Amino acid sequence: MERYSVDRPIVYSKNRCVQCDWTKKYLQEKNIEYLEYNVEEDYEALLYVTSLGFKAAPVVFWGTESWAGYQPDKLAQIQ
């Protein structure tokens, strides 16, 4: 599983998650390719993000930065 990516963001999402949907829609509307791991379907992904202290989805990794939730100000920094 790729943990960090310098060429595209990684989104850890879950089912029925409005903020996850908003995050993915934002990236799609900006034509930004991203990797997605669903923490409800991928136990290793769930263990990874919870080991880092995240308790809410989505969790977004971009370069060396990471954050939880829908944060359009941070998403806007992704080129």
C-alpha atoms as a PDB file:
ATOM      1  CA  MET A   1       0.000   0.000   0.000  1.00  0.00           C
ATOM      2  CA  GLU A   2       1.391   3.358  -0.993  1.00  0.00           C
ATOM      3  CA  ARG A   3       1.514   5.668   2.026  1.00  0.00           C
ATOM      4  CA  TYR A   4       2.808   8.912   0.609  1.00  0.00           C
ATOM      5  CA  SER A   5       2.707  10.196  -2.922  1.00  0.00           C
ATOM      6  CA  VAL A   6       4.352  13.256  -4.404  1.00  0.00           C
ATOM      7  CA  ASP A   7       2.455  13.067  -7.679  1.00  0.00           C
ATOM      8  CA  ARG A   8      -1.110  12.548  -6.446  1.00  0.00           C
ATOM      9  CA  PRO A   9      -3.043  12.692  -3.180  1.00  0.00           C
ATOM     10  CA  ILE A  10      -4.147   9.624  -1.272  1.00  0.00           C
ATOM     11  CA  VAL A  11      -7.672   9.625   0.170  1.00  0.00           C
ATOM     12  CA  TYR A  12      -8.685   7.210   2.914  1.00  0.00           C
ATOM     13  CA  SER A  13     -12.470   7.154   2.780  1.00  0.00           C
ATOM     14  CA  LYS A  14     -15.424   5.153   4.016  1.00  0.00           C
ATOM     15  CA  ASN A  15     -18.911   4.340   2.798  1.00  0.00           C
ATOM     16  CA  ARG A  16     -21.799   6.767   3.350  1.00  0.00           C
ATOM     17  CA  CYS A  17     -19.425   9.605   4.233  1.00  0.00           C
ATOM     18  CA  VAL A  18     -20.526  13.031   3.060  1.00  0.00           C
ATOM     19  CA  GLN A  19     -17.148  14.684   3.686  1.00  0.00           C
ATOM     20  CA  CYS A  20     -15.451  11.845   1.792  1.00  0.00           C
ATOM     21  CA  ASP A  21     -17.808  12.394  -1.138  1.00  0.00           C
ATOM     22  CA  TRP A  22     -17.172  16.153  -1.102  1.00  0.00           C
ATOM     23  CA  THR A  23     -13.399  15.607  -1.031  1.00  0.00           C
ATOM     24  CA  LYS A  24     -13.470  13.168  -3.958  1.00  0.00           C
ATOM     25  CA  LYS A  25     -15.875  15.399  -5.908  1.00  0.00           C
ATOM     26  CA  TYR A  26     -13.569  18.394  -5.400  1.00  0.00           C
ATOM     27  CA  LEU A  27     -10.582  16.449  -6.719  1.00  0.00           C
ATOM     28  CA  GLN A  28     -12.581  15.079  -9.656  1.00  0.00           C
ATOM     29  CA  GLU A  29     -13.887  18.528 -10.618  1.00  0.00           C
ATOM     30  CA  LYS A  30     -10.290  19.824 -10.646  1.00  0.00           C
ATOM     31  CA  ASN A  31      -9.200  16.796 -12.725  1.00  0.00           C
ATOM     32  CA  ILE A  32      -6.768  15.731 -10.000  1.00  0.00           C
ATOM     33  CA  GLU A  33      -5.967  12.024 -10.015  1.00  0.00           C
ATOM     34  CA  TYR A  34      -5.874  10.433  -6.583  1.00  0.00           C
ATOM     35  CA  LEU A  35      -5.500   7.055  -4.927  1.00  0.00           C
ATOM     36  CA  GLU A  36      -8.344   5.919  -2.709  1.00  0.00           C
ATOM     37  CA  TYR A  37      -8.454   3.345   0.065  1.00  0.00           C
ATOM     38  CA  ASN A  38     -11.769   2.518   1.706  1.00  0.00           C
ATOM     39  CA  VAL A  39     -11.121   1.869   5.393  1.00  0.00           C
ATOM     40  CA  GLU A  40     -14.350  -0.132   5.712  1.00  0.00           C
ATOM     41  CA  GLU A  41     -13.165  -2.546   3.040  1.00  0.00           C
ATOM     42  CA  ASP A  42      -9.402  -2.490   3.675  1.00  0.00           C
ATOM     43  CA  TYR A  43      -8.476  -3.395   7.242  1.00  0.00           C
ATOM     44  CA  GLU A  44      -4.791  -2.573   6.705  1.00  0.00           C
ATOM     45  CA  ALA A  45      -5.772   0.947   5.605  1.00  0.00           C
ATOM     46  CA  LEU A  46      -7.933   1.340   8.722  1.00  0.00           C
ATOM     47  CA  LEU A  47      -5.073   0.217  10.968  1.00  0.00           C
ATOM     48  CA  TYR A  48      -2.714   2.623   9.240  1.00  0.00           C
ATOM     49  CA  VAL A  49      -4.786   5.797   9.635  1.00  0.00           C
ATOM     50  CA  THR A  50      -5.869   4.972  13.179  1.00  0.00           C
ATOM     51  CA  SER A  51      -2.243   4.293  14.150  1.00  0.00           C
ATOM     52  CA  LEU A  52      -1.527   7.893  13.172  1.00  0.00           C
ATOM     53  CA  GLY A  53      -4.287   9.151  15.470  1.00  0.00           C
ATOM     54  CA  PHE A  54      -6.956   9.877  12.867  1.00  0.00           C
ATOM     55  CA  LYS A  55     -10.502   9.131  13.996  1.00  0.00           C
ATOM     56  CA  ALA A  56     -12.557  10.741  11.215  1.00  0.00           C
ATOM     57  CA  ALA A  57     -12.775  10.334   7.474  1.00  0.00           C
ATOM     58  CA  PRO A  58     -11.672  11.261   4.989  1.00  0.00           C
ATOM     59  CA  VAL A  59      -7.978  11.299   5.712  1.00  0.00           C
ATOM     60  CA  VAL A  60      -5.976  12.941   2.929  1.00  0.00           C
ATOM     61  CA  PHE A  61      -2.245  12.598   2.385  1.00  0.00           C
ATOM     62  CA  TRP A  62      -0.486  14.953  -0.002  1.00  0.00           C
ATOM     63  CA  GLY A  63       3.294  14.991  -0.021  1.00  0.00           C
ATOM     64  CA  THR A  64       4.317  15.155   3.629  1.00  0.00           C
ATOM     65  CA  GLU A  65       1.040  16.724   4.808  1.00  0.00           C
ATOM     66  CA  SER A  66      -2.046  14.941   6.073  1.00  0.00           C
ATOM     67  CA  TRP A  67      -5.408  16.020   7.423  1.00  0.00           C
ATOM     68  CA  ALA A  68      -8.868  14.705   8.219  1.00  0.00           C
ATOM     69  CA  GLY A  69     -12.208  15.967   6.977  1.00  0.00           C
ATOM     70  CA  TYR A  70     -13.276  18.012   4.001  1.00  0.00           C
ATOM     71  CA  GLN A  71     -10.869  20.956   3.894  1.00  0.00           C
ATOM     72  CA  PRO A  72     -11.194  22.859   0.608  1.00  0.00           C
ATOM     73  CA  ASP A  73      -8.464  25.338   1.611  1.00  0.00           C
ATOM     74  CA  LYS A  74      -5.947  22.508   1.853  1.00  0.00           C
ATOM     75  CA  LEU A  75      -7.302  20.729  -1.210  1.00  0.00           C
ATOM     76  CA  ALA A  76      -6.801  23.948  -3.191  1.00  0.00           C
ATOM     77  CA  GLN A  77      -3.036  23.648  -2.601  1.00  0.00           C
ATOM     78  CA  ILE A  78      -2.936  20.403  -4.599  1.00  0.00           C
ATOM     79  CA  GLN A  79      -1.866  21.034  -8.168  1.00  0.00           C
END
